[in-house]
Amino acid sequence: MPIDVDIREHEVIGPLLKEAEQEGERKGERRGERKGELAVLRRLLQKRFGPIPSWAAEHLASRSTGELEELSVRVLDAKSIEDLMK
């Protein structure tokens, strides 16, 4: 007869697994937010200035979520991609 035990119900291991799972979800959410911010900013740049130069794409790829959000607002007033990336 098989023994059916859920390790997540263990008094010591269970909370550790739950905490690790929650941290994984938070990391995934942050990664998703950053990816979404980058996608929106790229669309705005392409609409406003045309094709994005490779140097600008590299610059954007290295920015944090907060920095991408700030750039998304600043793109409205920027005269050029070069001006925006200052």
N, C-alpha and C. Protein backbone atom coordinates (compact mmCIF):
# COMPACT_ATOMS: atom_id res chain seq x y z
N MET A 1 0.84 -1.17 0.00
CA MET A 1 0.00 0.00 0.00
C MET A 1 0.91 1.26 0.00
N PRO A 2 0.68 2.18 -0.96
CA PRO A 2 1.52 3.38 -1.04
C PRO A 2 1.25 4.34 0.13
N ILE A 3 2.30 5.04 0.51
CA ILE A 3 2.16 6.04 1.55
C ILE A 3 2.08 7.40 0.87
N ASP A 4 1.04 8.13 1.16
CA ASP A 4 0.81 9.44 0.54
C ASP A 4 1.05 10.53 1.57
N VAL A 5 2.22 11.20 1.46
CA VAL A 5 2.59 12.26 2.41
C VAL A 5 2.88 13.52 1.61
N ASP A 6 2.32 14.62 2.05
CA ASP A 6 2.58 15.91 1.42
C ASP A 6 3.65 16.62 2.23
N ILE A 7 4.83 16.76 1.67
CA ILE A 7 5.97 17.37 2.37
C ILE A 7 5.68 18.81 2.78
N ARG A 8 4.75 19.48 2.08
CA ARG A 8 4.40 20.85 2.42
C ARG A 8 3.68 20.96 3.76
N GLU A 9 3.19 19.83 4.27
CA GLU A 9 2.51 19.83 5.56
C GLU A 9 3.46 19.55 6.71
N HIS A 10 4.72 19.27 6.41
CA HIS A 10 5.71 19.02 7.45
C HIS A 10 5.92 20.30 8.25
N GLU A 11 6.03 20.19 9.58
CA GLU A 11 6.09 21.38 10.44
C GLU A 11 7.35 22.21 10.27
N VAL A 12 8.44 21.60 9.83
CA VAL A 12 9.69 22.34 9.63
C VAL A 12 9.89 22.68 8.16
N ILE A 13 9.76 21.72 7.31
CA ILE A 13 10.03 21.90 5.88
C ILE A 13 8.90 22.67 5.19
N GLY A 14 7.68 22.47 5.62
CA GLY A 14 6.52 23.12 5.00
C GLY A 14 6.65 24.63 4.93
N PRO A 15 6.90 25.31 6.05
CA PRO A 15 7.03 26.78 6.00
C PRO A 15 8.19 27.24 5.12
N LEU A 16 9.29 26.50 5.13
CA LEU A 16 10.43 26.86 4.28
C LEU A 16 10.07 26.76 2.81
N LEU A 17 9.36 25.71 2.44
CA LEU A 17 8.92 25.56 1.06
C LEU A 17 7.94 26.65 0.66
N LYS A 18 7.04 26.98 1.56
CA LYS A 18 6.05 28.03 1.29
C LYS A 18 6.75 29.37 1.09
N GLU A 19 7.73 29.67 1.94
CA GLU A 19 8.48 30.92 1.82
C GLU A 19 9.25 30.97 0.50
N ALA A 20 9.89 29.87 0.14
CA ALA A 20 10.63 29.82 -1.12
C ALA A 20 9.69 29.99 -2.32
N GLU A 21 8.52 29.40 -2.25
CA GLU A 21 7.53 29.52 -3.33
C GLU A 21 7.07 30.97 -3.47
N GLN A 22 6.82 31.63 -2.35
CA GLN A 22 6.38 33.02 -2.39
C GLN A 22 7.47 33.93 -2.94
N GLU A 23 8.72 33.67 -2.56
CA GLU A 23 9.83 34.47 -3.09
C GLU A 23 9.96 34.27 -4.60
N GLY A 24 9.77 33.04 -5.06
CA GLY A 24 9.80 32.76 -6.49
C GLY A 24 8.71 33.51 -7.23
N GLU A 25 7.52 33.58 -6.65
CA GLU A 25 6.42 34.31 -7.25
C GLU A 25 6.74 35.80 -7.33
N ARG A 26 7.31 36.35 -6.26
CA ARG A 26 7.66 37.78 -6.25
C ARG A 26 8.71 38.08 -7.33
N LYS A 27 9.71 37.22 -7.44
CA LYS A 27 10.73 37.42 -8.48
C LYS A 27 10.11 37.36 -9.87
N GLY A 28 9.21 36.41 -10.06
CA GLY A 28 8.54 36.30 -11.35
C GLY A 28 7.70 37.52 -11.68
N GLU A 29 7.02 38.04 -10.67
CA GLU A 29 6.22 39.25 -10.88
C GLU A 29 7.10 40.43 -11.24
N ARG A 30 8.22 40.59 -10.52
CA ARG A 30 9.13 41.70 -10.82
C ARG A 30 9.70 41.56 -12.23
N ARG A 31 10.05 40.35 -12.61
CA ARG A 31 10.58 40.11 -13.95
C ARG A 31 9.52 40.45 -15.00
N GLY A 32 8.28 40.07 -14.73
CA GLY A 32 7.18 40.36 -15.65
C GLY A 32 6.90 41.85 -15.77
N GLU A 33 6.96 42.55 -14.64
CA GLU A 33 6.75 44.00 -14.67
C GLU A 33 7.82 44.69 -15.51
N ARG A 34 9.07 44.28 -15.31
CA ARG A 34 10.17 44.88 -16.06
C ARG A 34 10.02 44.61 -17.55
N LYS A 35 9.66 43.39 -17.87
CA LYS A 35 9.48 43.02 -19.28
C LYS A 35 8.36 43.85 -19.91
N GLY A 36 7.28 44.07 -19.17
CA GLY A 36 6.16 44.87 -19.67
C GLY A 36 6.55 46.33 -19.86
N GLU A 37 7.26 46.88 -18.87
CA GLU A 37 7.72 48.27 -18.98
C GLU A 37 8.63 48.44 -20.19
N LEU A 38 9.53 47.49 -20.41
CA LEU A 38 10.44 47.56 -21.54
C LEU A 38 9.68 47.50 -22.86
N ALA A 39 8.68 46.63 -22.94
CA ALA A 39 7.89 46.49 -24.17
C ALA A 39 7.13 47.79 -24.48
N VAL A 40 6.53 48.39 -23.47
CA VAL A 40 5.78 49.64 -23.67
C VAL A 40 6.73 50.76 -24.12
N LEU A 41 7.86 50.88 -23.44
CA LEU A 41 8.82 51.92 -23.79
C LEU A 41 9.35 51.74 -25.21
N ARG A 42 9.62 50.52 -25.59
CA ARG A 42 10.11 50.27 -26.97
C ARG A 42 9.05 50.69 -27.99
N ARG A 43 7.78 50.38 -27.71
CA ARG A 43 6.71 50.79 -28.64
C ARG A 43 6.61 52.30 -28.73
N LEU A 44 6.69 52.97 -27.58
CA LEU A 44 6.62 54.43 -27.58
C LEU A 44 7.79 55.04 -28.37
N LEU A 45 8.98 54.52 -28.14
CA LEU A 45 10.15 55.03 -28.86
C LEU A 45 10.03 54.81 -30.37
N GLN A 46 9.58 53.63 -30.76
CA GLN A 46 9.44 53.35 -32.19
C GLN A 46 8.38 54.23 -32.83
N LYS A 47 7.30 54.46 -32.13
CA LYS A 47 6.24 55.32 -32.66
C LYS A 47 6.72 56.76 -32.79
N ARG A 48 7.48 57.22 -31.80
CA ARG A 48 7.91 58.62 -31.77
C ARG A 48 9.12 58.89 -32.64
N PHE A 49 10.12 57.98 -32.63
CA PHE A 49 11.40 58.25 -33.29
C PHE A 49 11.76 57.28 -34.42
N GLY A 50 10.95 56.25 -34.63
CA GLY A 50 11.28 55.26 -35.66
C GLY A 50 12.11 54.13 -35.07
N PRO A 51 12.83 53.40 -35.91
CA PRO A 51 13.60 52.25 -35.44
C PRO A 51 14.58 52.63 -34.32
N ILE A 52 14.69 51.75 -33.33
CA ILE A 52 15.56 52.00 -32.18
C ILE A 52 16.97 51.54 -32.52
N PRO A 53 17.97 52.43 -32.41
CA PRO A 53 19.35 52.03 -32.67
C PRO A 53 19.81 50.97 -31.67
N SER A 54 20.76 50.15 -32.07
CA SER A 54 21.23 49.06 -31.20
C SER A 54 21.82 49.59 -29.89
N TRP A 55 22.50 50.72 -29.94
CA TRP A 55 23.08 51.26 -28.70
C TRP A 55 21.98 51.63 -27.71
N ALA A 56 20.86 52.13 -28.23
CA ALA A 56 19.74 52.51 -27.36
C ALA A 56 19.06 51.26 -26.79
N ALA A 57 18.92 50.23 -27.61
CA ALA A 57 18.32 48.97 -27.15
C ALA A 57 19.17 48.37 -26.03
N GLU A 58 20.49 48.43 -26.17
CA GLU A 58 21.39 47.91 -25.13
C GLU A 58 21.25 48.74 -23.85
N HIS A 59 21.13 50.04 -24.02
CA HIS A 59 20.95 50.93 -22.87
C HIS A 59 19.66 50.57 -22.12
N LEU A 60 18.60 50.37 -22.86
CA LEU A 60 17.31 50.03 -22.24
C LEU A 60 17.37 48.68 -21.54
N ALA A 61 18.05 47.72 -22.15
CA ALA A 61 18.12 46.37 -21.59
C ALA A 61 18.82 46.34 -20.24
N SER A 62 19.65 47.34 -19.97
CA SER A 62 20.39 47.36 -18.71
C SER A 62 19.71 48.18 -17.61
N ARG A 63 18.54 48.74 -17.89
CA ARG A 63 17.84 49.60 -16.93
C ARG A 63 16.91 48.80 -16.02
N SER A 64 16.68 49.32 -14.84
CA SER A 64 15.75 48.69 -13.88
C SER A 64 14.31 49.05 -14.25
N THR A 65 13.37 48.42 -13.58
CA THR A 65 11.96 48.70 -13.82
C THR A 65 11.64 50.17 -13.54
N GLY A 66 12.14 50.68 -12.44
CA GLY A 66 11.90 52.09 -12.09
C GLY A 66 12.46 53.04 -13.12
N GLU A 67 13.66 52.74 -13.61
CA GLU A 67 14.28 53.59 -14.62
C GLU A 67 13.49 53.54 -15.93
N LEU A 68 12.98 52.36 -16.28
CA LEU A 68 12.17 52.23 -17.49
C LEU A 68 10.87 53.03 -17.36
N GLU A 69 10.27 53.00 -16.17
CA GLU A 69 9.05 53.79 -15.93
C GLU A 69 9.34 55.27 -16.12
N GLU A 70 10.45 55.73 -15.56
CA GLU A 70 10.82 57.14 -15.68
C GLU A 70 11.05 57.52 -17.14
N LEU A 71 11.72 56.67 -17.88
CA LEU A 71 11.97 56.94 -19.30
C LEU A 71 10.66 56.99 -20.09
N SER A 72 9.70 56.15 -19.70
CA SER A 72 8.40 56.12 -20.39
C SER A 72 7.68 57.45 -20.26
N VAL A 73 7.86 58.12 -19.14
CA VAL A 73 7.26 59.44 -18.94
C VAL A 73 8.06 60.50 -19.69
N ARG A 74 9.38 60.42 -19.60
CA ARG A 74 10.24 61.41 -20.23
C ARG A 74 10.18 61.35 -21.76
N VAL A 75 9.81 60.20 -22.34
CA VAL A 75 9.76 60.08 -23.80
C VAL A 75 8.78 61.08 -24.40
N LEU A 76 7.80 61.49 -23.63
CA LEU A 76 6.80 62.42 -24.13
C LEU A 76 7.39 63.80 -24.45
N ASP A 77 8.43 64.19 -23.71
CA ASP A 77 9.04 65.49 -23.88
C ASP A 77 10.38 65.46 -24.61
N ALA A 78 10.92 64.29 -24.82
CA ALA A 78 12.27 64.17 -25.43
C ALA A 78 12.25 64.62 -26.89
N LYS A 79 13.30 65.31 -27.28
CA LYS A 79 13.43 65.77 -28.66
C LYS A 79 14.04 64.68 -29.56
N SER A 80 14.79 63.75 -28.92
CA SER A 80 15.41 62.66 -29.66
C SER A 80 15.70 61.51 -28.71
N ILE A 81 16.06 60.36 -29.26
CA ILE A 81 16.45 59.23 -28.42
C ILE A 81 17.70 59.60 -27.63
N GLU A 82 18.61 60.30 -28.28
CA GLU A 82 19.84 60.71 -27.59
C GLU A 82 19.52 61.60 -26.39
N ASP A 83 18.57 62.52 -26.58
CA ASP A 83 18.15 63.40 -25.50
C ASP A 83 17.55 62.60 -24.35
N LEU A 84 16.77 61.61 -24.67
CA LEU A 84 16.11 60.78 -23.67
C LEU A 84 17.11 59.97 -22.85
N MET A 85 18.14 59.48 -23.49
CA MET A 85 19.09 58.58 -22.81
C MET A 85 20.14 59.31 -21.98
N LYS A 86 20.11 60.64 -21.96
CA LYS A 86 21.08 61.42 -21.17
C LYS A 86 20.92 61.15 -19.70
